[in-house]
Each structure stands twice: as C-alpha cells, then as structure tokens.
Amino acid sequence: MASVLIREFNNNKNNTIIEIYPLGDIHLGARTCLETEFLELVKYISATPNAYWIGLGDYCDFIQMSDPRFDPGSLAPWIAVSDLRNLSTVQADRFIEITKPIAHKCLGLVKGNHEASIDRFYEHDIYTHICNEMKRNSKLPADCKIRVGTTGWLWLKYRLGSEVGSGTRSVRINLHHGFTGGRLAGAKALNMQKWLWTHDADVIIWGHTHNEMLQS
C-alpha cells in the first residue's frame, strides 16, 4: 500500500504563496553533480520562510567499486581513497549534512533506483539511513511521517485559519521516482500520460529522467 503523507499550512489569510521544490537525481558524489547549484538552492530554501522541498530519490550516485560502471575518474574531488571502503555511507552523510538546515522543510523523501540498488546488491538500506537522519535533523513530531517509498502520496491542506474547515483547500500530489525509459522523448511522455490516466491526483511529480518534461 502506498504511503500517504499529510502536511498542513494554517493561517494563510494574506494569500501566502507556498514554494515547493522537487529535489531529485542530485547524484551527489559524482564529478558531474551540480553541487554548487545544489548548495545555492539549499541556501535559498533555508532563507525563504515559505519555501519547502520534496526529495525525489537518487540523492547520491552510490556506484560502488564492485559495480561495472565504477570509474574513479567520475568521483567528486572531495572523495578520498579511504572513503572507497564505505562509499555509500560517505556520500549519504554528506547529503544529510548539506540538507541539515532545511531538514525541517522536507515534505517527504522518495526512494530512487540508486538507493534501491544499494539495498538489493549490497544489503545496505541507505534509504532508511537517510530518512532516519533527516527526521532526526528536522525535529518534526514523532508521528510526522517523512518516508514515501518508491511511490506515494503527499496531501497538502492549505487553510485560511487554524480550524478545520476554515477555508481549506487541498492539493493531492502523487510522487514517484520514475521508471521511464527509451532514448527518445516520446517513450517518456507516453509513460507519464498513462500514469496521469490511472492516478486521481492534482499534481504528479516524477524524477529519474534527468530532463524537464510537462504533461497535462
């Protein structure tokens, strides 16, 4: 059964604009990661009162030495030789440390295929580690869930006041790391359209494809 996370925004009498940024496919630890831009966005979210974020998976590259895709030349310059023994944890801990100032603004964390691969092939549940540390840094109430899984729902409740029914507007967001494939954009667009037809959501957000696409 898919997870359902509920987030409430109360006392929005002045038409407060809520900004939500999907952060996925960061691949921290890879030389090609846009780490400077990632740091700038974290700084912006931290400094902006009504800015929040959703994690869409593949937070780090998580390509181990035994992986056929491993190439030492593709690693970020901050990774030391001694880090190679525990590369996934080193990368995950750097992601956790970078996002510490905005942990309390995280609306949910999706599990990506790179996190799933570490769990499947190396018996290391790095996704749970990231979720647990994000929850600890967020200082959110114990009953406030942050874990989405590969796919799930985020239900936003936007109220003018603080009481139930006081001008409430709800937005149902379906979250998925993504599974689209194919070299051409058509395959990705078709999979996105099929998902739209089978999920009763106001907004659907995917990651995984490493490009920008919009379907309506």
C-alpha atoms as a PDB file:
ATOM      1  CA  MET A   1       0.000   0.000   0.000  1.00  0.00           C
ATOM      2  CA  ALA A   2       1.361   3.404  -0.967  1.00  0.00           C
ATOM      3  CA  SER A   3       2.299   5.855   1.762  1.00  0.00           C
ATOM      4  CA  VAL A   4       0.164   8.948   2.344  1.00  0.00           C
ATOM      5  CA  LEU A   5       1.849  11.954   3.920  1.00  0.00           C
ATOM      6  CA  ILE A   6      -0.254  14.904   5.121  1.00  0.00           C
ATOM      7  CA  ARG A   7       1.135  18.406   5.524  1.00  0.00           C
ATOM      8  CA  GLU A   8      -0.958  21.316   6.798  1.00  0.00           C
ATOM      9  CA  PHE A   9      -0.362  25.026   6.203  1.00  0.00           C
ATOM     10  CA  ASN A  10      -2.522  27.155   8.511  1.00  0.00           C
ATOM     11  CA  ASN A  11      -3.283  30.871   8.937  1.00  0.00           C
ATOM     12  CA  ASN A  12      -2.750  31.834   5.304  1.00  0.00           C
ATOM     13  CA  LYS A  13      -5.112  34.833   5.393  1.00  0.00           C
ATOM     14  CA  ASN A  14      -2.879  37.048   3.267  1.00  0.00           C
ATOM     15  CA  ASN A  15      -2.800  34.657   0.309  1.00  0.00           C
ATOM     16  CA  THR A  16       0.625  33.390   1.298  1.00  0.00           C
ATOM     17  CA  ILE A  17       2.451  31.693  -1.559  1.00  0.00           C
ATOM     18  CA  ILE A  18       3.965  28.326  -0.672  1.00  0.00           C
ATOM     19  CA  GLU A  19       7.012  27.401  -2.761  1.00  0.00           C
ATOM     20  CA  ILE A  20       7.763  23.690  -3.165  1.00  0.00           C
ATOM     21  CA  TYR A  21      10.953  22.494  -4.860  1.00  0.00           C
ATOM     22  CA  PRO A  22      11.387  18.881  -6.058  1.00  0.00           C
ATOM     23  CA  LEU A  23      14.986  17.832  -5.378  1.00  0.00           C
ATOM     24  CA  GLY A  24      15.912  14.589  -7.078  1.00  0.00           C
ATOM     25  CA  ASP A  25      18.613  12.946  -9.158  1.00  0.00           C
ATOM     26  CA  ILE A  26      21.269  15.023  -7.445  1.00  0.00           C
ATOM     27  CA  HIS A  27      23.799  12.175  -7.657  1.00  0.00           C
ATOM     28  CA  LEU A  28      25.995  13.753  -5.004  1.00  0.00           C
ATOM     29  CA  GLY A  29      29.444  12.202  -5.138  1.00  0.00           C
ATOM     30  CA  ALA A  30      29.652  12.170  -8.914  1.00  0.00           C
ATOM     31  CA  ARG A  31      32.028  14.617 -10.551  1.00  0.00           C
ATOM     32  CA  THR A  32      29.228  15.743 -12.875  1.00  0.00           C
ATOM     33  CA  CYS A  33      26.906  16.613  -9.968  1.00  0.00           C
ATOM     34  CA  LEU A  34      25.924  20.295  -9.960  1.00  0.00           C
ATOM     35  CA  GLU A  35      26.906  20.553  -6.319  1.00  0.00           C
ATOM     36  CA  THR A  36      27.364  24.333  -6.324  1.00  0.00           C
ATOM     37  CA  GLU A  37      23.838  24.843  -7.666  1.00  0.00           C
ATOM     38  CA  PHE A  38      22.513  22.333  -5.123  1.00  0.00           C
ATOM     39  CA  LEU A  39      24.156  24.267  -2.282  1.00  0.00           C
ATOM     40  CA  GLU A  40      22.700  27.527  -3.576  1.00  0.00           C
ATOM     41  CA  LEU A  41      19.185  26.079  -3.667  1.00  0.00           C
ATOM     42  CA  VAL A  42      19.559  24.707  -0.137  1.00  0.00           C
ATOM     43  CA  LYS A  43      20.645  28.183   0.991  1.00  0.00           C
ATOM     44  CA  TYR A  44      17.624  29.757  -0.719  1.00  0.00           C
ATOM     45  CA  ILE A  45      15.128  27.297   0.805  1.00  0.00           C
ATOM     46  CA  SER A  46      16.680  27.820   4.224  1.00  0.00           C
ATOM     47  CA  ALA A  47      16.405  31.610   3.972  1.00  0.00           C
ATOM     48  CA  THR A  48      12.883  31.714   2.488  1.00  0.00           C
ATOM     49  CA  PRO A  49      10.138  31.308   5.133  1.00  0.00           C
ATOM     50  CA  ASN A  50       7.542  29.673   2.859  1.00  0.00           C
ATOM     51  CA  ALA A  51       9.876  27.515   0.767  1.00  0.00           C
ATOM     52  CA  TYR A  52       9.755  23.726   1.161  1.00  0.00           C
ATOM     53  CA  TRP A  53      11.126  20.727  -0.725  1.00  0.00           C
ATOM     54  CA  ILE A  54      10.379  17.166  -1.724  1.00  0.00           C
ATOM     55  CA  GLY A  55      13.136  14.584  -2.167  1.00  0.00           C
ATOM     56  CA  LEU A  56      12.617  12.526  -5.334  1.00  0.00           C
ATOM     57  CA  GLY A  57      15.374   9.923  -4.919  1.00  0.00           C
ATOM     58  CA  ASP A  58      18.882   9.272  -6.274  1.00  0.00           C
ATOM     59  CA  TYR A  59      20.261  11.723  -3.742  1.00  0.00           C
ATOM     60  CA  CYS A  60      23.782  10.381  -4.241  1.00  0.00           C
ATOM     61  CA  ASP A  61      25.489   8.446  -7.012  1.00  0.00           C
ATOM     62  CA  PHE A  62      26.027   5.299  -4.912  1.00  0.00           C
ATOM     63  CA  ILE A  63      28.146   3.468  -7.504  1.00  0.00           C
ATOM     64  CA  GLN A  64      30.405   1.068  -5.601  1.00  0.00           C
ATOM     65  CA  MET A  65      33.846  -0.217  -6.566  1.00  0.00           C
ATOM     66  CA  SER A  66      32.439  -3.649  -7.486  1.00  0.00           C
ATOM     67  CA  ASP A  67      29.910  -2.079  -9.856  1.00  0.00           C
ATOM     68  CA  PRO A  68      30.925  -2.445 -13.554  1.00  0.00           C
ATOM     69  CA  ARG A  69      30.064   1.243 -14.003  1.00  0.00           C
ATOM     70  CA  PHE A  70      32.592   2.330 -11.370  1.00  0.00           C
ATOM     71  CA  ASP A  71      35.209   4.781 -12.615  1.00  0.00           C
ATOM     72  CA  PRO A  72      37.492   6.574 -10.118  1.00  0.00           C
ATOM     73  CA  GLY A  73      37.720   9.477 -12.542  1.00  0.00           C
ATOM     74  CA  SER A  74      33.970  10.051 -12.231  1.00  0.00           C
ATOM     75  CA  LEU A  75      34.096  10.661  -8.480  1.00  0.00           C
ATOM     76  CA  ALA A  76      33.735  14.085  -6.884  1.00  0.00           C
ATOM     77  CA  PRO A  77      37.072  15.635  -5.821  1.00  0.00           C
ATOM     78  CA  TRP A  78      36.126  15.570  -2.128  1.00  0.00           C
ATOM     79  CA  ILE A  79      36.044  11.749  -2.070  1.00  0.00           C
ATOM     80  CA  ALA A  80      39.271  10.355  -0.591  1.00  0.00           C
ATOM     81  CA  VAL A  81      40.799   6.931  -1.242  1.00  0.00           C
ATOM     82  CA  SER A  82      39.896   5.918   2.318  1.00  0.00           C
ATOM     83  CA  ASP A  83      36.238   6.689   1.557  1.00  0.00           C
ATOM     84  CA  LEU A  84      36.048   3.936  -1.068  1.00  0.00           C
ATOM     85  CA  ARG A  85      35.630   1.265   1.604  1.00  0.00           C
ATOM     86  CA  ASN A  86      32.293   2.766   2.657  1.00  0.00           C
ATOM     87  CA  LEU A  87      31.422   4.957  -0.292  1.00  0.00           C
ATOM     88  CA  SER A  88      27.632   4.893   0.002  1.00  0.00           C
ATOM     89  CA  THR A  89      27.650   5.998   3.644  1.00  0.00           C
ATOM     90  CA  VAL A  90      30.203   8.740   2.963  1.00  0.00           C
ATOM     91  CA  GLN A  91      28.072  10.147   0.155  1.00  0.00           C
ATOM     92  CA  ALA A  92      24.805   9.820   2.095  1.00  0.00           C
ATOM     93  CA  ASP A  93      26.275  11.544   5.160  1.00  0.00           C
ATOM     94  CA  ARG A  94      27.420  14.466   3.016  1.00  0.00           C
ATOM     95  CA  PHE A  95      23.880  14.787   1.608  1.00  0.00           C
ATOM     96  CA  ILE A  96      22.449  14.658   5.125  1.00  0.00           C
ATOM     97  CA  GLU A  97      24.884  17.327   6.338  1.00  0.00           C
ATOM     98  CA  ILE A  98      24.182  19.644   3.375  1.00  0.00           C
ATOM     99  CA  THR A  99      20.413  19.398   3.846  1.00  0.00           C
ATOM    100  CA  LYS A 100      20.539  19.769   7.627  1.00  0.00           C
ATOM    101  CA  PRO A 101      19.492  23.483   7.504  1.00  0.00           C
ATOM    102  CA  ILE A 102      16.358  22.562   5.509  1.00  0.00           C
ATOM    103  CA  ALA A 103      15.540  19.194   7.092  1.00  0.00           C
ATOM    104  CA  HIS A 104      12.517  20.713   8.863  1.00  0.00           C
ATOM    105  CA  LYS A 105      11.207  21.909   5.480  1.00  0.00           C
ATOM    106  CA  CYS A 106      11.262  18.460   3.894  1.00  0.00           C
ATOM    107  CA  LEU A 107       7.736  17.352   2.958  1.00  0.00           C
ATOM    108  CA  GLY A 108       8.755  13.798   2.084  1.00  0.00           C
ATOM    109  CA  LEU A 109      11.559  11.595   0.764  1.00  0.00           C
ATOM    110  CA  VAL A 110      11.089   9.265  -2.197  1.00  0.00           C
ATOM    111  CA  LYS A 111      13.280   6.194  -2.737  1.00  0.00           C
ATOM    112  CA  GLY A 112      15.242   6.230  -6.006  1.00  0.00           C
ATOM    113  CA  ASN A 113      16.648   3.358  -8.032  1.00  0.00           C
ATOM    114  CA  HIS A 114      20.190   4.113  -6.834  1.00  0.00           C
ATOM    115  CA  GLU A 115      19.103   3.756  -3.196  1.00  0.00           C
ATOM    116  CA  ALA A 116      17.227   0.571  -4.139  1.00  0.00           C
ATOM    117  CA  SER A 117      20.336  -0.881  -5.831  1.00  0.00           C
ATOM    118  CA  ILE A 118      22.452  -0.416  -2.714  1.00  0.00           C
ATOM    119  CA  ASP A 119      19.818  -2.250  -0.690  1.00  0.00           C
ATOM    120  CA  ARG A 120      19.413  -5.039  -3.256  1.00  0.00           C
ATOM    121  CA  PHE A 121      23.027  -5.780  -4.143  1.00  0.00           C
ATOM    122  CA  TYR A 122      24.917  -4.669  -1.025  1.00  0.00           C
ATOM    123  CA  GLU A 123      22.357  -5.345   1.743  1.00  0.00           C
ATOM    124  CA  HIS A 124      22.677  -1.780   2.965  1.00  0.00           C
ATOM    125  CA  ASP A 125      19.398   0.094   3.429  1.00  0.00           C
ATOM    126  CA  ILE A 126      20.867   3.524   2.731  1.00  0.00           C
ATOM    127  CA  TYR A 127      17.399   4.977   2.070  1.00  0.00           C
ATOM    128  CA  THR A 128      16.273   4.236   5.620  1.00  0.00           C
ATOM    129  CA  HIS A 129      19.515   5.761   6.914  1.00  0.00           C
ATOM    130  CA  ILE A 130      18.808   8.990   5.006  1.00  0.00           C
ATOM    131  CA  CYS A 131      15.174   9.083   6.179  1.00  0.00           C
ATOM    132  CA  ASN A 132      16.086   8.464   9.819  1.00  0.00           C
ATOM    133  CA  GLU A 133      18.779  11.146   9.860  1.00  0.00           C
ATOM    134  CA  MET A 134      16.549  13.645   8.013  1.00  0.00           C
ATOM    135  CA  LYS A 135      13.788  13.035  10.552  1.00  0.00           C
ATOM    136  CA  ARG A 136      16.244  13.461  13.426  1.00  0.00           C
ATOM    137  CA  ASN A 137      17.583  16.731  11.998  1.00  0.00           C
ATOM    138  CA  SER A 138      14.089  18.051  11.224  1.00  0.00           C
ATOM    139  CA  LYS A 139      12.913  17.878  14.851  1.00  0.00           C
ATOM    140  CA  LEU A 140       9.434  17.167  13.493  1.00  0.00           C
ATOM    141  CA  PRO A 141       6.917  15.406  15.782  1.00  0.00           C
ATOM    142  CA  ALA A 142       7.427  11.665  16.131  1.00  0.00           C
ATOM    143  CA  ASP A 143       4.123  10.922  14.391  1.00  0.00           C
ATOM    144  CA  CYS A 144       5.018  13.048  11.347  1.00  0.00           C
ATOM    145  CA  LYS A 145       5.999  10.652   8.554  1.00  0.00           C
ATOM    146  CA  ILE A 146       8.725  11.589   6.085  1.00  0.00           C
ATOM    147  CA  ARG A 147       9.245   8.291   4.271  1.00  0.00           C
ATOM    148  CA  VAL A 148       7.417   7.915   0.927  1.00  0.00           C
ATOM    149  CA  GLY A 149       8.999   4.835  -0.654  1.00  0.00           C
ATOM    150  CA  THR A 150       9.349   4.466  -4.422  1.00  0.00           C
ATOM    151  CA  THR A 151       5.884   5.944  -4.888  1.00  0.00           C
ATOM    152  CA  GLY A 152       3.300   7.519  -2.612  1.00  0.00           C
ATOM    153  CA  TRP A 153       1.037  10.477  -1.942  1.00  0.00           C
ATOM    154  CA  LEU A 154       1.534  13.902  -0.440  1.00  0.00           C
ATOM    155  CA  TRP A 155      -1.676  15.619   0.655  1.00  0.00           C
ATOM    156  CA  LEU A 156      -1.333  19.361   1.219  1.00  0.00           C
ATOM    157  CA  LYS A 157      -4.012  21.132   3.279  1.00  0.00           C
ATOM    158  CA  TYR A 158      -3.958  24.898   2.898  1.00  0.00           C
ATOM    159  CA  ARG A 159      -6.144  26.806   5.391  1.00  0.00           C
ATOM    160  CA  LEU A 160      -7.009  30.468   5.813  1.00  0.00           C
ATOM    161  CA  GLY A 161      -7.323  29.958   9.569  1.00  0.00           C
ATOM    162  CA  SER A 162      -6.228  27.329  12.044  1.00  0.00           C
ATOM    163  CA  GLU A 163      -9.522  25.456  12.422  1.00  0.00           C
ATOM    164  CA  VAL A 164     -10.667  22.520  10.323  1.00  0.00           C
ATOM    165  CA  GLY A 165     -12.936  23.787   7.561  1.00  0.00           C
ATOM    166  CA  SER A 166     -11.740  27.389   7.762  1.00  0.00           C
ATOM    167  CA  GLY A 167     -11.382  27.959   4.050  1.00  0.00           C
ATOM    168  CA  THR A 168      -9.476  24.729   3.444  1.00  0.00           C
ATOM    169  CA  ARG A 169      -8.041  23.893   0.059  1.00  0.00           C
ATOM    170  CA  SER A 170      -6.438  20.501  -0.563  1.00  0.00           C
ATOM    171  CA  VAL A 171      -3.871  19.540  -3.160  1.00  0.00           C
ATOM    172  CA  ARG A 172      -3.205  15.851  -3.811  1.00  0.00           C
ATOM    173  CA  ILE A 173       0.290  15.197  -5.123  1.00  0.00           C
ATOM    174  CA  ASN A 174       1.342  11.791  -6.391  1.00  0.00           C
ATOM    175  CA  LEU A 175       5.077  11.183  -6.078  1.00  0.00           C
ATOM    176  CA  HIS A 176       7.135   8.618  -7.952  1.00  0.00           C
ATOM    177  CA  HIS A 177      10.861   8.361  -8.542  1.00  0.00           C
ATOM    178  CA  GLY A 178      10.095   7.500 -12.162  1.00  0.00           C
ATOM    179  CA  PHE A 179      10.593   4.495 -14.403  1.00  0.00           C
ATOM    180  CA  THR A 180      10.534   5.927 -17.909  1.00  0.00           C
ATOM    181  CA  GLY A 181      12.985   4.557 -20.441  1.00  0.00           C
ATOM    182  CA  GLY A 182      13.975   4.955 -24.046  1.00  0.00           C
ATOM    183  CA  ARG A 183      16.318   7.285 -25.834  1.00  0.00           C
ATOM    184  CA  LEU A 184      13.573   9.425 -27.350  1.00  0.00           C
ATOM    185  CA  ALA A 185      11.262  11.796 -25.509  1.00  0.00           C
ATOM    186  CA  GLY A 186       8.146  10.032 -26.829  1.00  0.00           C
ATOM    187  CA  ALA A 187       8.552   6.955 -24.619  1.00  0.00           C
ATOM    188  CA  LYS A 188       8.862   9.117 -21.527  1.00  0.00           C
ATOM    189  CA  ALA A 189       5.854  11.248 -22.464  1.00  0.00           C
ATOM    190  CA  LEU A 190       3.685   8.165 -23.086  1.00  0.00           C
ATOM    191  CA  ASN A 191       4.543   6.632 -19.718  1.00  0.00           C
ATOM    192  CA  MET A 192       3.789   9.911 -17.995  1.00  0.00           C
ATOM    193  CA  GLN A 193       0.416  10.187 -19.748  1.00  0.00           C
ATOM    194  CA  LYS A 194      -0.528   6.622 -18.781  1.00  0.00           C
ATOM    195  CA  TRP A 195       0.276   7.422 -15.149  1.00  0.00           C
ATOM    196  CA  LEU A 196      -1.930  10.530 -15.332  1.00  0.00           C
ATOM    197  CA  TRP A 197      -4.853   8.420 -16.558  1.00  0.00           C
ATOM    198  CA  THR A 198      -4.618   5.943 -13.678  1.00  0.00           C
ATOM    199  CA  HIS A 199      -3.955   8.234 -10.690  1.00  0.00           C
ATOM    200  CA  ASP A 200      -6.520  10.710  -9.366  1.00  0.00           C
ATOM    201  CA  ALA A 201      -4.103  13.468  -8.412  1.00  0.00           C
ATOM    202  CA  ASP A 202      -3.971  17.243  -8.785  1.00  0.00           C
ATOM    203  CA  VAL A 203      -0.234  17.119  -9.436  1.00  0.00           C
ATOM    204  CA  ILE A 204       2.125  14.249 -10.303  1.00  0.00           C
ATOM    205  CA  ILE A 205       5.866  14.670  -9.840  1.00  0.00           C
ATOM    206  CA  TRP A 206       8.487  12.281 -11.185  1.00  0.00           C
ATOM    207  CA  GLY A 207      12.252  12.191 -11.237  1.00  0.00           C
ATOM    208  CA  HIS A 208      14.679   9.726 -12.839  1.00  0.00           C
ATOM    209  CA  THR A 209      14.714  11.024 -16.417  1.00  0.00           C
ATOM    210  CA  HIS A 210      17.257  13.836 -15.826  1.00  0.00           C
ATOM    211  CA  ASN A 211      15.347  16.233 -18.053  1.00  0.00           C
ATOM    212  CA  GLU A 212      12.353  18.557 -17.857  1.00  0.00           C
ATOM    213  CA  MET A 213       9.022  17.350 -19.218  1.00  0.00           C
ATOM    214  CA  LEU A 214       5.475  18.523 -18.593  1.00  0.00           C
ATOM    215  CA  GLN A 215       2.242  16.682 -19.345  1.00  0.00           C
ATOM    216  CA  SER A 216      -1.287  17.891 -18.642  1.00  0.00           C
END
